[in-house]
Protein backbone atom coordinates (compact mmCIF):
# COMPACT_ATOMS: atom_id res chain seq x y z
CA MET A 1 -12.17 -28.18 21.92
CA ASN A 2 -8.45 -28.06 22.73
CA ILE A 3 -5.75 -27.24 20.20
CA ALA A 4 -4.62 -30.85 19.71
CA ASP A 5 -8.14 -32.10 18.99
CA HIS A 6 -8.74 -29.16 16.65
CA ILE A 7 -5.63 -29.93 14.60
CA LEU A 8 -6.42 -33.65 14.35
CA MET A 9 -9.92 -33.10 12.99
CA GLN A 10 -10.35 -33.16 9.22
CA PRO A 11 -13.83 -31.95 8.26
CA THR A 12 -14.93 -33.06 4.80
CA THR A 13 -18.74 -33.09 4.63
CA LEU A 14 -20.58 -29.80 4.31
CA ASP A 15 -22.11 -30.12 7.79
CA GLU A 16 -18.68 -30.85 9.29
CA VAL A 17 -17.10 -27.86 7.51
CA LYS A 18 -19.91 -25.51 8.60
CA ALA A 19 -19.52 -26.50 12.25
CA TYR A 20 -15.70 -26.46 12.16
CA ALA A 21 -15.61 -22.95 10.72
CA VAL A 22 -17.45 -21.32 13.63
CA GLY A 23 -15.09 -19.14 15.64
CA GLU A 24 -12.30 -16.64 15.05
CA TRP A 25 -9.50 -17.02 12.48
CA GLN A 26 -6.55 -14.74 11.70
CA SER A 27 -3.56 -14.42 9.36
CA ILE A 28 -0.44 -16.24 10.45
CA SER A 29 1.75 -13.51 8.92
CA MET A 30 1.68 -10.62 6.49
CA GLU A 31 0.18 -11.66 3.14
CA LEU A 32 0.86 -10.50 -0.39
CA ARG A 33 -1.78 -10.57 -3.11
CA PRO A 34 -2.21 -9.08 -6.59
CA THR A 35 -4.85 -6.34 -6.83
CA GLU A 36 -6.30 -4.38 -9.71
CA ASP A 37 -5.20 -0.77 -9.71
CA ARG A 38 -8.14 1.28 -8.40
CA ALA A 39 -7.10 4.16 -10.66
CA GLY A 40 -8.09 2.11 -13.71
CA THR A 41 -4.65 1.89 -15.31
CA GLY A 42 -4.94 -1.86 -15.81
CA LEU A 43 -1.71 -2.43 -13.86
CA ILE A 44 -1.53 -5.05 -11.12
CA GLN A 45 -0.51 -3.68 -7.74
CA PRO A 46 1.03 -5.64 -4.84
CA THR A 47 -1.16 -5.46 -1.74
CA TYR A 48 0.13 -6.27 1.75
CA LEU A 49 -2.55 -7.27 4.23
CA LYS A 50 -3.74 -9.25 7.23
CA ARG A 51 -7.13 -10.95 7.54
CA TYR A 52 -9.38 -11.66 10.51
CA PHE A 53 -12.62 -13.62 10.13
CA ASN A 54 -15.19 -14.39 12.79
CA TYR A 55 -17.72 -17.01 11.77
CA LEU A 56 -20.44 -16.05 14.25
CA SER A 57 -22.54 -19.05 13.27
CA GLU A 58 -22.93 -21.35 10.28
CA GLU A 59 -24.83 -18.57 8.52
CA LYS A 60 -23.25 -15.26 9.66
CA PHE A 61 -19.76 -13.73 9.55
CA ILE A 62 -17.69 -10.62 10.21
CA GLY A 63 -14.47 -10.17 8.24
CA THR A 64 -11.73 -7.57 8.61
CA ILE A 65 -8.94 -6.90 6.14
CA THR A 66 -6.17 -4.49 7.13
CA MET A 67 -3.94 -3.20 4.35
CA PHE A 68 -0.36 -2.06 4.87
CA ALA A 69 2.24 -0.10 2.91
CA ASP A 70 5.07 -2.53 3.64
CA ASN A 71 6.07 -6.20 3.87
CA TYR A 72 6.17 -6.36 7.67
CA GLY A 73 3.02 -4.53 8.76
CA GLU A 74 4.69 -1.48 10.25
CA PHE A 75 2.65 1.06 8.26
CA PRO A 76 -1.12 0.38 8.27
CA LEU A 77 -3.07 2.19 5.57
CA LEU A 78 -6.66 1.07 5.40
CA GLU A 79 -9.12 -1.28 7.08
CA PHE A 80 -12.24 -2.91 5.62
CA GLU A 81 -14.91 -4.54 7.76
CA PHE A 82 -17.50 -6.83 6.16
CA LYS A 83 -20.66 -8.22 7.76
CA GLY A 84 -23.35 -10.46 6.39
CA ASP A 85 -24.59 -13.89 5.41
CA LEU A 86 -22.73 -17.04 4.46
CA ARG A 87 -24.19 -18.80 1.43
CA TRP A 88 -22.91 -22.35 1.07
CA GLY A 89 -22.53 -24.05 -2.31
CA GLY A 90 -21.40 -27.38 -3.67
CA ALA A 91 -18.16 -29.28 -3.37
CA HIS A 92 -15.12 -27.51 -4.87
CA PRO A 93 -12.74 -29.66 -6.95
CA ILE A 94 -9.49 -28.22 -5.52
CA ALA A 95 -9.44 -30.75 -2.65
CA ASP A 96 -11.60 -33.35 -0.93
CA GLY A 97 -13.48 -31.42 1.73
CA ALA A 98 -13.34 -28.05 -0.04
CA TRP A 99 -16.64 -26.26 -0.60
CA ALA A 100 -17.86 -23.22 -2.48
CA ILE A 101 -18.95 -20.40 -0.18
CA ASP A 102 -20.30 -16.92 -0.87
CA TYR A 103 -19.77 -13.99 1.50
CA VAL A 104 -22.84 -11.76 1.15
CA LEU A 105 -22.15 -8.25 2.45
CA ASN A 106 -25.71 -7.35 3.38
CA GLU A 107 -25.22 -6.12 6.95
CA GLY A 108 -22.14 -3.91 6.80
CA PHE A 109 -19.32 -2.68 4.57
CA ALA A 110 -17.16 -0.27 6.54
CA VAL A 111 -13.98 1.53 5.48
CA THR A 112 -11.49 3.10 7.88
CA PRO A 113 -8.45 5.04 6.62
CA LEU A 114 -5.54 4.48 9.00
CA HIS A 115 -3.21 7.02 7.40
CA LYS A 116 -3.74 10.48 5.95
CA GLN A 117 -2.66 9.32 2.48
CA ALA A 118 -5.37 6.64 2.52
CA ALA A 119 -7.96 9.26 3.51
CA GLN A 120 -6.75 11.52 0.70
CA MET A 121 -7.02 8.66 -1.81
CA LEU A 122 -10.60 7.89 -0.76
CA ASN A 123 -11.60 11.54 -0.80
CA ALA A 124 -10.08 12.15 -4.24
CA ALA A 125 -12.87 10.15 -5.87
CA LEU A 126 -15.58 10.64 -3.25
CA PRO A 127 -19.11 9.99 -4.55
CA GLU A 128 -21.77 12.64 -4.09
CA GLY A 129 -23.60 12.38 -0.80
CA ILE A 130 -20.77 10.79 1.19
CA ALA A 131 -18.97 12.95 3.74
CA PRO A 132 -15.16 13.08 3.52
CA PHE A 133 -13.18 10.29 5.16
CA GLU A 134 -11.07 11.09 8.21
CA VAL A 135 -8.16 9.12 9.66
CA ASN A 136 -9.25 6.42 12.14
CA GLN A 137 -12.94 7.20 11.54
CA LYS A 138 -14.95 4.19 10.31
CA LYS A 139 -17.55 4.87 7.62
CA ASP A 140 -20.16 2.36 6.46
CA ILE A 141 -20.72 2.48 2.69
CA LEU A 142 -23.23 -0.40 2.59
CA ASN A 143 -25.50 -0.13 -0.48
CA LYS A 144 -23.91 3.19 -1.47
CA ALA A 145 -22.33 3.95 -4.83
CA PHE A 146 -18.54 3.84 -4.64
CA PRO A 147 -16.90 3.84 -8.10
CA MET A 148 -13.38 3.31 -6.67
CA PHE A 149 -14.54 -0.15 -5.52
CA ASN A 150 -16.73 -0.72 -8.61
CA ILE A 151 -19.90 -0.57 -6.48
CA VAL A 152 -23.13 0.97 -7.71
CA GLU A 153 -26.00 2.40 -5.67
CA GLY A 154 -28.04 -0.31 -3.94
CA GLN A 155 -25.65 -3.12 -4.86
CA THR A 156 -25.18 -6.00 -2.44
CA VAL A 157 -21.53 -7.00 -2.74
CA VAL A 158 -20.90 -10.76 -2.88
CA ASP A 159 -17.52 -12.49 -2.74
CA TYR A 160 -17.63 -15.89 -4.51
CA ASP A 161 -14.98 -17.91 -2.69
CA LEU A 162 -14.08 -21.37 -1.41
CA ILE A 163 -13.29 -22.80 2.02
CA TYR A 164 -11.12 -25.76 3.04
CA PHE A 165 -9.58 -26.99 6.29
CA LYS A 166 -6.32 -28.92 6.70
CA SER A 167 -4.24 -29.57 9.84
CA GLY A 168 -6.28 -27.08 11.83
CA MET A 169 -5.83 -24.27 9.28
CA LEU A 170 -8.48 -22.45 7.23
CA PHE A 171 -7.81 -21.98 3.53
CA MET A 172 -9.76 -19.59 1.32
CA GLY A 173 -9.29 -19.10 -2.39
CA ALA A 174 -6.07 -17.65 -3.80
CA LYS A 175 -6.51 -14.36 -5.62
CA HIS A 176 -6.23 -14.52 -9.40
CA VAL A 177 -2.78 -13.50 -10.64
CA ASP A 178 -4.28 -10.77 -12.83
CA GLY A 179 -6.00 -9.20 -9.82
CA THR A 180 -9.52 -10.15 -10.93
CA PRO A 181 -11.83 -9.99 -7.88
CA PHE A 182 -14.22 -12.77 -6.83
CA ASP A 183 -17.22 -10.62 -7.81
CA LYS A 184 -18.91 -13.14 -10.11
CA GLU A 185 -19.63 -16.84 -9.98
CA GLU A 186 -17.34 -17.40 -12.97
CA ASN A 187 -14.52 -15.66 -11.05
CA ARG A 188 -14.62 -18.09 -8.14
CA PRO A 189 -11.00 -19.08 -7.31
CA HIS A 190 -9.35 -22.34 -8.36
CA GLN A 191 -6.40 -22.45 -5.94
CA LEU A 192 -5.74 -22.10 -2.20
CA GLN A 193 -4.48 -18.98 -0.45
CA ILE A 194 -2.15 -18.65 2.55
CA PRO A 195 -4.15 -20.13 5.47
CA LEU A 196 -5.61 -18.55 8.58
CA GLU A 197 -5.04 -19.96 12.07
CA LYS A 198 -7.70 -20.51 14.71
CA VAL A 199 -7.82 -18.00 17.57
CA PHE A 200 -8.04 -19.85 20.88
CA VAL A 201 -9.13 -17.90 23.94
């Protein structure tokens, strides 16, 4: 499919959306989102990041989120890589053609500190049995207890999200303004986030 045909398509049915999603998608610019303070202060922290998602098929995905210390992406701090199943739900009321989707992290949950301060932060609250993090060294914490991320031993992390396509762009759910994560069905988002663009090779 060429770029023009891709932009003109408007998938609305679940089968159309599943097929249209397959491929690679990336942030169009640096993004800003509210995030709960991992230190447990209750304060909302600004988080600067870029996203990359590869829908390997209609049922599998790999997602990467890279966090930065600044507005323009000059100082990378931390990278998360997620792998697992896509679980499709019903129509989402935000827009015609939007659907509920769950990202089930059952194949990989890797963390890579990209700066020494990020490694120090991770190591400050390191759970027993996990070796210290090192800069630029990826560590898979799948099914391991990690209190900093509110994960308990053996837990399969699920992100309850939405997906919608418009003018060739992929929209996921906008993060809640109070930083609440999409970790429960009742926390599924109600609005649209900054879109991702298709990667054409």
